[in-house]
Amino acid sequence: MRAVPRGFWLACVGVFFVGVGLRVVADASSDLLPTSSGERSVAAAAIALLRSDAPAVRSSAPYGGLGIWIDAFDFEPAYQGDGREPVLTPEVVDEFAALGVQTIYIQAARVDDRATGRLLDEGLLADFLVRAHGHGIAVIGWYLPRFDDVDRDLDRLVAIAEFDALGHRFDGVAVDIEYVEAVPDATERSARLVDLSQRLRAARPGEALGAIVPPPVQLEVVNTSYWPRFPWRDLDPTYDVWLPMAYWTTRSVESGYRDSYRYAEESTRRLRNNVGRPDVVVHIIGGIGDETTVADLEGFRRAIEDTGSIGGSIYDWASLGEAERLALPDSVP
């Protein structure tokens, strides 16, 4: 009998342990998923060793249907004051699944003193991602660029796109386009936004990219000095889905735009006109959660239907009241 090379047995052992690791992380309901900071750090290290470069499939489908928004202040321990626990943990995904949520939008990276790496807590991100996929829920990772350092912004976005939790990847990357303080000149800011967007598309040609944008009503009617000459058409080749932040709750009753239907419908109609294509794919974001009512959600649904938008969501889950949470499934066709 021929001696089996020692390397063969080492390979077998390696495959065995990788398989065990996949089973542990892939079981979204397992008690073995990391819960403490130390366990999450170990999980993140394991994840980093097993990243994949396989490209995602570019599609607007992950942005369809009912969405839920989570930001760093909801789940990231570094953003909690006075030793408080985050208001949301990955277990909340089970609640999302019971409501029929189709997509989770989670802030995966930030730039400030508390964000020490390219991404936020990778163990927690992995836990949200794996649990969501276990329920058939898509997950979009999003990031707010500041435009004062385009290389840094691009690095964060690419890190989101490359993140791999043992085969589980984000189903898309969304760019939260609203920060104006770091680059006050609108023309320069627009140029940097277009540059960042084009470089992101070149770096991730197969990624399902979403543009989270100020609603045109805000830019063209409410506050024309906020971001004049917004580069709608220059951005169109880059993004697969547009997500206008149609926060009717920030508008006054006197303006007429506190009406959820009017603000969402008109913002979507103006957006398509600005881009120059009636078939632009749109997912409407409404909110803010703690000022949204069940009646608002009824008007929101009609706006989604009348504009032919592929989905809708409220910003954000943590701030929504109980009655509004229960009414969410009926707010998105």
C-alpha atoms as a PDB file:
ATOM      1  CA  MET A   1       0.000   0.000   0.000  1.00  0.00           C
ATOM      2  CA  ARG A   2       1.413   3.345  -1.021  1.00  0.00           C
ATOM      3  CA  ALA A   3       2.105   5.868   1.725  1.00  0.00           C
ATOM      4  CA  VAL A   4      -0.268   8.850   1.577  1.00  0.00           C
ATOM      5  CA  PRO A   5       1.634  12.153   1.519  1.00  0.00           C
ATOM      6  CA  ARG A   6       1.520  14.070   4.798  1.00  0.00           C
ATOM      7  CA  GLY A   7       0.176  17.128   2.939  1.00  0.00           C
ATOM      8  CA  PHE A   8      -2.959  15.193   1.982  1.00  0.00           C
ATOM      9  CA  TRP A   9      -3.880  14.583   5.621  1.00  0.00           C
ATOM     10  CA  LEU A  10      -3.188  18.207   6.511  1.00  0.00           C
ATOM     11  CA  ALA A  11      -5.498  19.308   3.710  1.00  0.00           C
ATOM     12  CA  CYS A  12      -8.217  16.985   4.970  1.00  0.00           C
ATOM     13  CA  VAL A  13      -7.916  18.372   8.482  1.00  0.00           C
ATOM     14  CA  GLY A  14      -8.065  21.891   7.089  1.00  0.00           C
ATOM     15  CA  VAL A  15     -11.226  21.158   5.114  1.00  0.00           C
ATOM     16  CA  PHE A  16     -12.817  19.602   8.199  1.00  0.00           C
ATOM     17  CA  PHE A  17     -12.259  22.650  10.373  1.00  0.00           C
ATOM     18  CA  VAL A  18     -13.333  25.075   7.690  1.00  0.00           C
ATOM     19  CA  GLY A  19     -16.504  23.044   7.308  1.00  0.00           C
ATOM     20  CA  VAL A  20     -17.130  23.235  11.035  1.00  0.00           C
ATOM     21  CA  GLY A  21     -16.615  26.995  10.908  1.00  0.00           C
ATOM     22  CA  LEU A  22     -19.039  27.336   8.031  1.00  0.00           C
ATOM     23  CA  ARG A  23     -21.653  25.348   9.909  1.00  0.00           C
ATOM     24  CA  VAL A  24     -21.330  27.460  13.038  1.00  0.00           C
ATOM     25  CA  VAL A  25     -21.580  30.809  11.271  1.00  0.00           C
ATOM     26  CA  ALA A  26     -24.136  29.739   8.670  1.00  0.00           C
ATOM     27  CA  ASP A  27     -26.653  28.557  11.285  1.00  0.00           C
ATOM     28  CA  ALA A  28     -28.435  31.844  11.927  1.00  0.00           C
ATOM     29  CA  SER A  29     -30.369  30.499  14.884  1.00  0.00           C
ATOM     30  CA  SER A  30     -27.458  28.788  16.585  1.00  0.00           C
ATOM     31  CA  ASP A  31     -26.455  29.705  20.138  1.00  0.00           C
ATOM     32  CA  LEU A  32     -22.863  29.352  18.947  1.00  0.00           C
ATOM     33  CA  LEU A  33     -22.965  32.655  17.070  1.00  0.00           C
ATOM     34  CA  PRO A  34     -20.613  35.177  18.729  1.00  0.00           C
ATOM     35  CA  THR A  35     -22.213  37.380  21.365  1.00  0.00           C
ATOM     36  CA  SER A  36     -19.416  38.930  23.415  1.00  0.00           C
ATOM     37  CA  SER A  37     -16.882  41.432  22.073  1.00  0.00           C
ATOM     38  CA  GLY A  38     -14.112  38.876  22.476  1.00  0.00           C
ATOM     39  CA  GLU A  39     -16.017  36.192  20.614  1.00  0.00           C
ATOM     40  CA  ARG A  40     -16.884  38.652  17.865  1.00  0.00           C
ATOM     41  CA  SER A  41     -13.224  39.578  17.510  1.00  0.00           C
ATOM     42  CA  VAL A  42     -12.284  35.937  17.070  1.00  0.00           C
ATOM     43  CA  ALA A  43     -15.095  35.495  14.550  1.00  0.00           C
ATOM     44  CA  ALA A  44     -13.973  38.573  12.652  1.00  0.00           C
ATOM     45  CA  ALA A  45     -10.436  37.229  12.489  1.00  0.00           C
ATOM     46  CA  ALA A  46     -11.691  33.915  11.121  1.00  0.00           C
ATOM     47  CA  ILE A  47     -13.830  35.744   8.591  1.00  0.00           C
ATOM     48  CA  ALA A  48     -10.881  37.809   7.431  1.00  0.00           C
ATOM     49  CA  LEU A  49      -8.890  34.672   6.714  1.00  0.00           C
ATOM     50  CA  LEU A  50     -11.618  33.282   4.495  1.00  0.00           C
ATOM     51  CA  ARG A  51     -12.639  36.298   2.400  1.00  0.00           C
ATOM     52  CA  SER A  52     -13.538  35.663  -1.209  1.00  0.00           C
ATOM     53  CA  ASP A  53     -13.029  37.834  -4.301  1.00  0.00           C
ATOM     54  CA  ALA A  54     -15.975  36.366  -6.223  1.00  0.00           C
ATOM     55  CA  PRO A  55     -17.949  39.249  -7.775  1.00  0.00           C
ATOM     56  CA  ALA A  56     -21.542  39.951  -6.818  1.00  0.00           C
ATOM     57  CA  VAL A  57     -24.310  39.851  -9.414  1.00  0.00           C
ATOM     58  CA  ARG A  58     -25.424  43.377 -10.343  1.00  0.00           C
ATOM     59  CA  SER A  59     -29.168  43.624  -9.837  1.00  0.00           C
ATOM     60  CA  SER A  60     -31.745  46.000  -8.389  1.00  0.00           C
ATOM     61  CA  ALA A  61     -33.685  43.059  -6.910  1.00  0.00           C
ATOM     62  CA  PRO A  62     -32.154  43.285  -3.383  1.00  0.00           C
ATOM     63  CA  TYR A  63     -33.644  46.783  -3.048  1.00  0.00           C
ATOM     64  CA  GLY A  64     -37.202  45.611  -3.664  1.00  0.00           C
ATOM     65  CA  GLY A  65     -40.051  45.231  -1.219  1.00  0.00           C
ATOM     66  CA  LEU A  66     -40.210  46.214   2.453  1.00  0.00           C
ATOM     67  CA  GLY A  67     -36.946  47.498   3.908  1.00  0.00           C
ATOM     68  CA  ILE A  68     -35.644  48.176   7.427  1.00  0.00           C
ATOM     69  CA  TRP A  69     -32.917  50.704   8.333  1.00  0.00           C
ATOM     70  CA  ILE A  70     -30.307  50.258  11.061  1.00  0.00           C
ATOM     71  CA  ASP A  71     -27.550  52.754  11.813  1.00  0.00           C
ATOM     72  CA  ALA A  72     -24.427  52.602  13.970  1.00  0.00           C
ATOM     73  CA  PHE A  73     -26.169  54.205  16.935  1.00  0.00           C
ATOM     74  CA  ASP A  74     -28.622  51.300  17.017  1.00  0.00           C
ATOM     75  CA  PHE A  75     -26.247  48.323  17.125  1.00  0.00           C
ATOM     76  CA  GLU A  76     -22.563  49.305  17.441  1.00  0.00           C
ATOM     77  CA  PRO A  77     -21.239  49.178  21.056  1.00  0.00           C
ATOM     78  CA  ALA A  78     -18.750  51.991  20.424  1.00  0.00           C
ATOM     79  CA  TYR A  79     -21.633  54.405  19.814  1.00  0.00           C
ATOM     80  CA  GLN A  80     -23.446  53.761  23.087  1.00  0.00           C
ATOM     81  CA  GLY A  81     -22.911  56.228  25.923  1.00  0.00           C
ATOM     82  CA  ASP A  82     -22.580  55.547  29.671  1.00  0.00           C
ATOM     83  CA  GLY A  83     -21.954  51.847  29.176  1.00  0.00           C
ATOM     84  CA  ARG A  84     -25.406  51.240  27.753  1.00  0.00           C
ATOM     85  CA  GLU A  85     -26.178  48.225  25.627  1.00  0.00           C
ATOM     86  CA  PRO A  86     -27.160  48.743  21.966  1.00  0.00           C
ATOM     87  CA  VAL A  87     -30.892  49.005  21.423  1.00  0.00           C
ATOM     88  CA  LEU A  88     -30.713  46.430  18.622  1.00  0.00           C
ATOM     89  CA  THR A  89     -28.912  43.094  18.530  1.00  0.00           C
ATOM     90  CA  PRO A  90     -28.761  40.593  15.658  1.00  0.00           C
ATOM     91  CA  GLU A  91     -31.629  38.655  17.247  1.00  0.00           C
ATOM     92  CA  VAL A  92     -33.993  41.379  16.017  1.00  0.00           C
ATOM     93  CA  VAL A  93     -33.647  39.844  12.555  1.00  0.00           C
ATOM     94  CA  ASP A  94     -36.066  37.124  13.652  1.00  0.00           C
ATOM     95  CA  GLU A  95     -38.659  39.832  14.295  1.00  0.00           C
ATOM     96  CA  PHE A  96     -37.990  41.320  10.866  1.00  0.00           C
ATOM     97  CA  ALA A  97     -38.551  37.939   9.272  1.00  0.00           C
ATOM     98  CA  ALA A  98     -41.886  37.526  11.053  1.00  0.00           C
ATOM     99  CA  LEU A  99     -43.016  40.884   9.614  1.00  0.00           C
ATOM    100  CA  GLY A 100     -42.060  39.909   6.083  1.00  0.00           C
ATOM    101  CA  VAL A 101     -39.109  42.290   5.752  1.00  0.00           C
ATOM    102  CA  GLN A 102     -37.254  41.687   2.509  1.00  0.00           C
ATOM    103  CA  THR A 103     -34.176  43.888   2.935  1.00  0.00           C
ATOM    104  CA  ILE A 104     -32.112  45.211   5.852  1.00  0.00           C
ATOM    105  CA  TYR A 105     -30.117  48.400   5.246  1.00  0.00           C
ATOM    106  CA  ILE A 106     -27.307  48.505   7.794  1.00  0.00           C
ATOM    107  CA  GLN A 107     -24.644  51.155   8.279  1.00  0.00           C
ATOM    108  CA  ALA A 108     -21.467  49.143   7.839  1.00  0.00           C
ATOM    109  CA  ALA A 109     -18.820  51.882   8.037  1.00  0.00           C
ATOM    110  CA  ARG A 110     -18.338  55.387   9.421  1.00  0.00           C
ATOM    111  CA  VAL A 111     -15.672  58.068   9.691  1.00  0.00           C
ATOM    112  CA  ASP A 112     -15.205  59.509  13.193  1.00  0.00           C
ATOM    113  CA  ASP A 113     -13.170  58.959  16.355  1.00  0.00           C
ATOM    114  CA  ARG A 114     -15.187  55.892  17.359  1.00  0.00           C
ATOM    115  CA  ALA A 115     -14.816  54.085  14.030  1.00  0.00           C
ATOM    116  CA  THR A 116     -11.314  52.646  14.391  1.00  0.00           C
ATOM    117  CA  GLY A 117     -11.308  50.441  11.289  1.00  0.00           C
ATOM    118  CA  ARG A 118     -12.519  50.399   7.727  1.00  0.00           C
ATOM    119  CA  LEU A 119     -15.733  48.764   8.918  1.00  0.00           C
ATOM    120  CA  LEU A 120     -17.769  48.815  12.103  1.00  0.00           C
ATOM    121  CA  ASP A 121     -17.815  45.735  14.367  1.00  0.00           C
ATOM    122  CA  GLU A 122     -17.195  42.957  11.840  1.00  0.00           C
ATOM    123  CA  GLY A 123     -18.425  40.216  14.138  1.00  0.00           C
ATOM    124  CA  LEU A 124     -21.757  41.959  14.579  1.00  0.00           C
ATOM    125  CA  LEU A 125     -22.021  42.721  10.866  1.00  0.00           C
ATOM    126  CA  ALA A 126     -21.381  39.050  10.157  1.00  0.00           C
ATOM    127  CA  ASP A 127     -24.051  38.034  12.650  1.00  0.00           C
ATOM    128  CA  PHE A 128     -26.675  40.336  11.108  1.00  0.00           C
ATOM    129  CA  LEU A 129     -25.713  39.191   7.617  1.00  0.00           C
ATOM    130  CA  VAL A 130     -25.805  35.466   8.320  1.00  0.00           C
ATOM    131  CA  ARG A 131     -29.030  35.604  10.315  1.00  0.00           C
ATOM    132  CA  ALA A 132     -30.719  37.652   7.607  1.00  0.00           C
ATOM    133  CA  HIS A 133     -29.633  35.306   4.840  1.00  0.00           C
ATOM    134  CA  GLY A 134     -30.855  32.406   6.945  1.00  0.00           C
ATOM    135  CA  HIS A 135     -34.322  33.969   6.709  1.00  0.00           C
ATOM    136  CA  GLY A 136     -33.989  34.800   3.019  1.00  0.00           C
ATOM    137  CA  ILE A 137     -33.596  38.528   3.778  1.00  0.00           C
ATOM    138  CA  ALA A 138     -31.211  40.615   1.656  1.00  0.00           C
ATOM    139  CA  VAL A 139     -28.741  42.954   3.365  1.00  0.00           C
ATOM    140  CA  ILE A 140     -27.453  46.235   1.921  1.00  0.00           C
ATOM    141  CA  GLY A 141     -24.403  47.828   3.536  1.00  0.00           C
ATOM    142  CA  TRP A 142     -24.395  51.630   3.472  1.00  0.00           C
ATOM    143  CA  TYR A 143     -21.928  54.416   4.203  1.00  0.00           C
ATOM    144  CA  LEU A 144     -22.038  58.221   4.502  1.00  0.00           C
ATOM    145  CA  PRO A 145     -19.106  59.751   2.561  1.00  0.00           C
ATOM    146  CA  ARG A 146     -17.833  63.176   3.639  1.00  0.00           C
ATOM    147  CA  PHE A 147     -16.077  63.996   0.361  1.00  0.00           C
ATOM    148  CA  ASP A 148     -13.110  65.719   2.046  1.00  0.00           C
ATOM    149  CA  ASP A 149     -11.027  62.584   1.378  1.00  0.00           C
ATOM    150  CA  VAL A 150     -12.386  60.678  -1.610  1.00  0.00           C
ATOM    151  CA  ASP A 151      -9.729  57.966  -1.291  1.00  0.00           C
ATOM    152  CA  ARG A 152     -10.853  57.253   2.266  1.00  0.00           C
ATOM    153  CA  ASP A 153     -14.521  57.236   1.250  1.00  0.00           C
ATOM    154  CA  LEU A 154     -13.791  54.822  -1.572  1.00  0.00           C
ATOM    155  CA  ASP A 155     -11.804  52.586   0.778  1.00  0.00           C
ATOM    156  CA  ARG A 156     -14.778  52.285   3.151  1.00  0.00           C
ATOM    157  CA  LEU A 157     -17.201  51.490   0.338  1.00  0.00           C
ATOM    158  CA  VAL A 158     -14.922  48.870  -1.188  1.00  0.00           C
ATOM    159  CA  ALA A 159     -14.458  47.310   2.256  1.00  0.00           C
ATOM    160  CA  ILE A 160     -18.231  46.901   2.499  1.00  0.00           C
ATOM    161  CA  ALA A 161     -18.366  45.323  -0.947  1.00  0.00           C
ATOM    162  CA  GLU A 162     -15.515  42.926  -0.112  1.00  0.00           C
ATOM    163  CA  PHE A 163     -16.785  41.872   3.307  1.00  0.00           C
ATOM    164  CA  ASP A 164     -17.342  38.126   3.402  1.00  0.00           C
ATOM    165  CA  ALA A 165     -18.692  36.197   6.374  1.00  0.00           C
ATOM    166  CA  LEU A 166     -17.753  32.681   5.296  1.00  0.00           C
ATOM    167  CA  GLY A 167     -19.510  33.030   1.972  1.00  0.00           C
ATOM    168  CA  HIS A 168     -22.181  35.506   3.052  1.00  0.00           C
ATOM    169  CA  ARG A 169     -21.728  38.876   1.384  1.00  0.00           C
ATOM    170  CA  PHE A 170     -23.727  42.067   1.322  1.00  0.00           C
ATOM    171  CA  ASP A 171     -26.324  41.973  -1.425  1.00  0.00           C
ATOM    172  CA  GLY A 172     -25.520  45.535  -2.424  1.00  0.00           C
ATOM    173  CA  VAL A 173     -23.727  48.720  -1.377  1.00  0.00           C
ATOM    174  CA  ALA A 174     -25.551  52.028  -0.945  1.00  0.00           C
ATOM    175  CA  VAL A 175     -23.941  55.467  -0.810  1.00  0.00           C
ATOM    176  CA  ASP A 176     -25.633  57.916   1.566  1.00  0.00           C
ATOM    177  CA  ILE A 177     -25.274  61.185  -0.352  1.00  0.00           C
ATOM    178  CA  GLU A 178     -26.140  64.081   1.948  1.00  0.00           C
ATOM    179  CA  TYR A 179     -23.064  65.339   3.844  1.00  0.00           C
ATOM    180  CA  VAL A 180     -22.268  68.936   2.916  1.00  0.00           C
ATOM    181  CA  GLU A 181     -20.246  70.395   5.801  1.00  0.00           C
ATOM    182  CA  ALA A 182     -16.774  69.141   4.863  1.00  0.00           C
ATOM    183  CA  VAL A 183     -16.890  70.537   1.306  1.00  0.00           C
ATOM    184  CA  PRO A 184     -19.093  73.672   1.371  1.00  0.00           C
ATOM    185  CA  ASP A 185     -18.689  74.501  -2.322  1.00  0.00           C
ATOM    186  CA  ALA A 186     -21.471  72.613  -4.107  1.00  0.00           C
ATOM    187  CA  THR A 187     -19.687  72.457  -7.460  1.00  0.00           C
ATOM    188  CA  GLU A 188     -16.582  70.919  -5.915  1.00  0.00           C
ATOM    189  CA  ARG A 189     -18.663  68.587  -3.776  1.00  0.00           C
ATOM    190  CA  SER A 190     -20.563  67.365  -6.838  1.00  0.00           C
ATOM    191  CA  ALA A 191     -17.321  66.777  -8.702  1.00  0.00           C
ATOM    192  CA  ARG A 192     -16.003  64.684  -5.819  1.00  0.00           C
ATOM    193  CA  LEU A 193     -19.267  62.762  -5.594  1.00  0.00           C
ATOM    194  CA  VAL A 194     -19.153  61.892  -9.295  1.00  0.00           C
ATOM    195  CA  ASP A 195     -15.478  60.926  -9.008  1.00  0.00           C
ATOM    196  CA  LEU A 196     -16.164  58.701  -5.996  1.00  0.00           C
ATOM    197  CA  SER A 197     -19.137  57.067  -7.717  1.00  0.00           C
ATOM    198  CA  GLN A 198     -17.252  56.358 -10.940  1.00  0.00           C
ATOM    199  CA  ARG A 199     -14.267  54.939  -9.070  1.00  0.00           C
ATOM    200  CA  LEU A 200     -16.545  52.739  -6.970  1.00  0.00           C
ATOM    201  CA  ARG A 201     -18.233  51.371 -10.077  1.00  0.00           C
ATOM    202  CA  ALA A 202     -14.851  50.733 -11.707  1.00  0.00           C
ATOM    203  CA  ALA A 203     -13.641  48.926  -8.581  1.00  0.00           C
ATOM    204  CA  ARG A 204     -16.829  46.871  -8.210  1.00  0.00           C
ATOM    205  CA  PRO A 205     -18.317  46.453 -11.708  1.00  0.00           C
ATOM    206  CA  GLY A 206     -20.723  43.724 -10.624  1.00  0.00           C
ATOM    207  CA  GLU A 207     -21.993  45.362  -7.430  1.00  0.00           C
ATOM    208  CA  ALA A 208     -25.653  46.356  -6.968  1.00  0.00           C
ATOM    209  CA  LEU A 209     -25.121  50.034  -6.099  1.00  0.00           C
ATOM    210  CA  GLY A 210     -27.756  52.288  -4.568  1.00  0.00           C
ATOM    211  CA  ALA A 211     -27.737  56.096  -4.403  1.00  0.00           C
ATOM    212  CA  ILE A 212     -29.373  57.383  -1.212  1.00  0.00           C
ATOM    213  CA  VAL A 213     -30.160  60.969  -2.173  1.00  0.00           C
ATOM    214  CA  PRO A 214     -31.888  64.101  -0.858  1.00  0.00           C
ATOM    215  CA  PRO A 215     -35.373  64.271  -2.356  1.00  0.00           C
ATOM    216  CA  PRO A 216     -35.678  66.726  -5.246  1.00  0.00           C
ATOM    217  CA  VAL A 217     -38.468  68.607  -3.480  1.00  0.00           C
ATOM    218  CA  GLN A 218     -36.005  69.455  -0.719  1.00  0.00           C
ATOM    219  CA  LEU A 219     -33.335  70.598  -3.180  1.00  0.00           C
ATOM    220  CA  GLU A 220     -35.618  72.443  -5.588  1.00  0.00           C
ATOM    221  CA  VAL A 221     -38.406  73.845  -3.417  1.00  0.00           C
ATOM    222  CA  VAL A 222     -37.668  73.712   0.295  1.00  0.00           C
ATOM    223  CA  ASN A 223     -33.964  74.620   0.440  1.00  0.00           C
ATOM    224  CA  THR A 224     -32.388  75.491  -2.904  1.00  0.00           C
ATOM    225  CA  SER A 225     -29.058  76.375  -1.284  1.00  0.00           C
ATOM    226  CA  TYR A 226     -28.517  72.947   0.298  1.00  0.00           C
ATOM    227  CA  TRP A 227     -27.004  71.272  -2.793  1.00  0.00           C
ATOM    228  CA  PRO A 228     -27.564  73.348  -5.948  1.00  0.00           C
ATOM    229  CA  ARG A 229     -26.959  71.768  -9.356  1.00  0.00           C
ATOM    230  CA  PHE A 230     -27.056  68.258  -7.956  1.00  0.00           C
ATOM    231  CA  PRO A 231     -25.433  65.975 -10.596  1.00  0.00           C
ATOM    232  CA  TRP A 232     -28.381  63.674 -11.280  1.00  0.00           C
ATOM    233  CA  ARG A 233     -27.490  62.670 -14.826  1.00  0.00           C
ATOM    234  CA  ASP A 234     -23.776  62.312 -14.135  1.00  0.00           C
ATOM    235  CA  LEU A 235     -24.589  59.745 -11.459  1.00  0.00           C
ATOM    236  CA  ASP A 236     -27.108  57.750 -13.478  1.00  0.00           C
ATOM    237  CA  PRO A 237     -24.609  55.394 -15.206  1.00  0.00           C
ATOM    238  CA  THR A 238     -23.159  54.382 -11.846  1.00  0.00           C
ATOM    239  CA  TYR A 239     -26.181  53.457  -9.776  1.00  0.00           C
ATOM    240  CA  ASP A 240     -28.749  50.699 -10.177  1.00  0.00           C
ATOM    241  CA  VAL A 241     -31.300  52.060  -7.712  1.00  0.00           C
ATOM    242  CA  TRP A 242     -32.159  55.550  -6.421  1.00  0.00           C
ATOM    243  CA  LEU A 243     -33.343  55.870  -2.813  1.00  0.00           C
ATOM    244  CA  PRO A 244     -34.751  59.371  -2.175  1.00  0.00           C
ATOM    245  CA  MET A 245     -34.939  60.319   1.520  1.00  0.00           C
ATOM    246  CA  ALA A 246     -38.537  61.507   1.352  1.00  0.00           C
ATOM    247  CA  TYR A 247     -38.823  62.384   5.036  1.00  0.00           C
ATOM    248  CA  TRP A 248     -42.216  64.090   5.088  1.00  0.00           C
ATOM    249  CA  THR A 249     -41.927  64.278   8.889  1.00  0.00           C
ATOM    250  CA  THR A 250     -39.314  67.050   8.518  1.00  0.00           C
ATOM    251  CA  ARG A 251     -41.681  69.247   6.505  1.00  0.00           C
ATOM    252  CA  SER A 252     -44.224  71.679   7.933  1.00  0.00           C
ATOM    253  CA  VAL A 253     -47.969  71.264   7.525  1.00  0.00           C
ATOM    254  CA  GLU A 254     -48.106  74.779   6.070  1.00  0.00           C
ATOM    255  CA  SER A 255     -45.774  73.796   3.213  1.00  0.00           C
ATOM    256  CA  GLY A 256     -48.147  71.081   2.081  1.00  0.00           C
ATOM    257  CA  TYR A 257     -45.313  68.558   2.138  1.00  0.00           C
ATOM    258  CA  ARG A 258     -46.079  67.041   5.541  1.00  0.00           C
ATOM    259  CA  ASP A 259     -48.403  64.855   3.479  1.00  0.00           C
ATOM    260  CA  SER A 260     -46.645  61.512   3.039  1.00  0.00           C
ATOM    261  CA  TYR A 261     -48.222  60.814  -0.337  1.00  0.00           C
ATOM    262  CA  ARG A 262     -47.483  64.209  -1.860  1.00  0.00           C
ATOM    263  CA  TYR A 263     -43.870  64.411  -0.664  1.00  0.00           C
ATOM    264  CA  ALA A 264     -42.929  60.868  -1.707  1.00  0.00           C
ATOM    265  CA  GLU A 265     -44.780  60.937  -5.028  1.00  0.00           C
ATOM    266  CA  GLU A 266     -43.554  64.362  -6.129  1.00  0.00           C
ATOM    267  CA  SER A 267     -39.963  63.646  -5.069  1.00  0.00           C
ATOM    268  CA  THR A 268     -39.942  60.441  -7.105  1.00  0.00           C
ATOM    269  CA  ARG A 269     -41.503  62.105 -10.134  1.00  0.00           C
ATOM    270  CA  ARG A 270     -39.015  64.980 -10.020  1.00  0.00           C
ATOM    271  CA  LEU A 271     -36.117  62.545  -9.554  1.00  0.00           C
ATOM    272  CA  ARG A 272     -36.976  60.653 -12.726  1.00  0.00           C
ATOM    273  CA  ASN A 273     -37.343  63.896 -14.613  1.00  0.00           C
ATOM    274  CA  ASN A 274     -33.962  65.107 -13.329  1.00  0.00           C
ATOM    275  CA  VAL A 275     -32.223  61.887 -14.301  1.00  0.00           C
ATOM    276  CA  GLY A 276     -33.939  61.997 -17.678  1.00  0.00           C
ATOM    277  CA  ARG A 277     -35.363  58.480 -17.638  1.00  0.00           C
ATOM    278  CA  PRO A 278     -38.944  57.525 -16.752  1.00  0.00           C
ATOM    279  CA  ASP A 279     -37.833  53.963 -16.006  1.00  0.00           C
ATOM    280  CA  VAL A 280     -35.387  54.886 -13.206  1.00  0.00           C
ATOM    281  CA  VAL A 281     -35.582  52.238 -10.473  1.00  0.00           C
ATOM    282  CA  VAL A 282     -36.627  53.790  -7.154  1.00  0.00           C
ATOM    283  CA  HIS A 283     -36.916  52.613  -3.563  1.00  0.00           C
ATOM    284  CA  ILE A 284     -38.535  55.365  -1.462  1.00  0.00           C
ATOM    285  CA  ILE A 285     -37.357  56.029   2.088  1.00  0.00           C
ATOM    286  CA  GLY A 286     -39.876  57.692   4.405  1.00  0.00           C
ATOM    287  CA  GLY A 287     -39.668  58.821   7.988  1.00  0.00           C
ATOM    288  CA  ILE A 288     -38.555  59.844  10.522  1.00  0.00           C
ATOM    289  CA  GLY A 289     -39.784  56.830  12.508  1.00  0.00           C
ATOM    290  CA  ASP A 290     -40.849  58.396  15.809  1.00  0.00           C
ATOM    291  CA  GLU A 291     -42.906  61.055  14.000  1.00  0.00           C
ATOM    292  CA  THR A 292     -44.466  58.696  11.463  1.00  0.00           C
ATOM    293  CA  THR A 293     -48.081  57.647  11.981  1.00  0.00           C
ATOM    294  CA  VAL A 294     -50.138  54.752  10.686  1.00  0.00           C
ATOM    295  CA  ALA A 295     -52.038  57.253   8.522  1.00  0.00           C
ATOM    296  CA  ASP A 296     -48.704  58.383   7.033  1.00  0.00           C
ATOM    297  CA  LEU A 297     -47.970  54.789   6.082  1.00  0.00           C
ATOM    298  CA  GLU A 298     -51.240  54.557   4.174  1.00  0.00           C
ATOM    299  CA  GLY A 299     -50.304  57.558   2.034  1.00  0.00           C
ATOM    300  CA  PHE A 300     -46.802  56.159   1.646  1.00  0.00           C
ATOM    301  CA  ARG A 301     -48.191  52.951   0.201  1.00  0.00           C
ATOM    302  CA  ARG A 302     -50.199  54.851  -2.404  1.00  0.00           C
ATOM    303  CA  ALA A 303     -47.103  56.827  -3.415  1.00  0.00           C
ATOM    304  CA  ILE A 304     -45.109  53.623  -3.903  1.00  0.00           C
ATOM    305  CA  GLU A 305     -47.908  52.140  -6.004  1.00  0.00           C
ATOM    306  CA  ASP A 306     -48.552  55.234  -8.109  1.00  0.00           C
ATOM    307  CA  THR A 307     -44.861  55.770  -8.885  1.00  0.00           C
ATOM    308  CA  GLY A 308     -44.158  52.118  -9.623  1.00  0.00           C
ATOM    309  CA  SER A 309     -41.318  52.104  -7.102  1.00  0.00           C
ATOM    310  CA  ILE A 310     -39.834  48.699  -6.340  1.00  0.00           C
ATOM    311  CA  GLY A 311     -39.892  49.114  -2.571  1.00  0.00           C
ATOM    312  CA  GLY A 312     -40.148  51.357   0.449  1.00  0.00           C
ATOM    313  CA  SER A 313     -38.871  51.761   3.997  1.00  0.00           C
ATOM    314  CA  ILE A 314     -38.991  54.068   7.020  1.00  0.00           C
ATOM    315  CA  TYR A 315     -35.925  55.545   8.710  1.00  0.00           C
ATOM    316  CA  ASP A 316     -35.439  53.875  11.036  1.00  0.00           C
ATOM    317  CA  TRP A 317     -36.620  50.747  12.833  1.00  0.00           C
ATOM    318  CA  ALA A 318     -35.348  51.692  16.297  1.00  0.00           C
ATOM    319  CA  SER A 319     -37.375  54.923  16.354  1.00  0.00           C
ATOM    320  CA  LEU A 320     -40.664  53.485  15.075  1.00  0.00           C
ATOM    321  CA  GLY A 321     -43.608  53.095  17.434  1.00  0.00           C
ATOM    322  CA  GLU A 322     -45.179  49.694  18.041  1.00  0.00           C
ATOM    323  CA  ALA A 323     -48.343  50.426  16.060  1.00  0.00           C
ATOM    324  CA  GLU A 324     -46.296  51.665  13.105  1.00  0.00           C
ATOM    325  CA  ARG A 325     -44.064  48.607  13.210  1.00  0.00           C
ATOM    326  CA  LEU A 326     -47.091  46.351  12.999  1.00  0.00           C
ATOM    327  CA  ALA A 327     -48.482  48.408  10.113  1.00  0.00           C
ATOM    328  CA  LEU A 328     -45.269  48.300   8.112  1.00  0.00           C
ATOM    329  CA  PRO A 329     -46.053  45.145   6.111  1.00  0.00           C
ATOM    330  CA  ASP A 330     -49.138  46.857   4.688  1.00  0.00           C
ATOM    331  CA  SER A 331     -47.219  50.035   3.794  1.00  0.00           C
ATOM    332  CA  VAL A 332     -45.232  48.494   0.955  1.00  0.00           C
ATOM    333  CA  PRO A 333     -47.053  46.731  -1.898  1.00  0.00           C
END
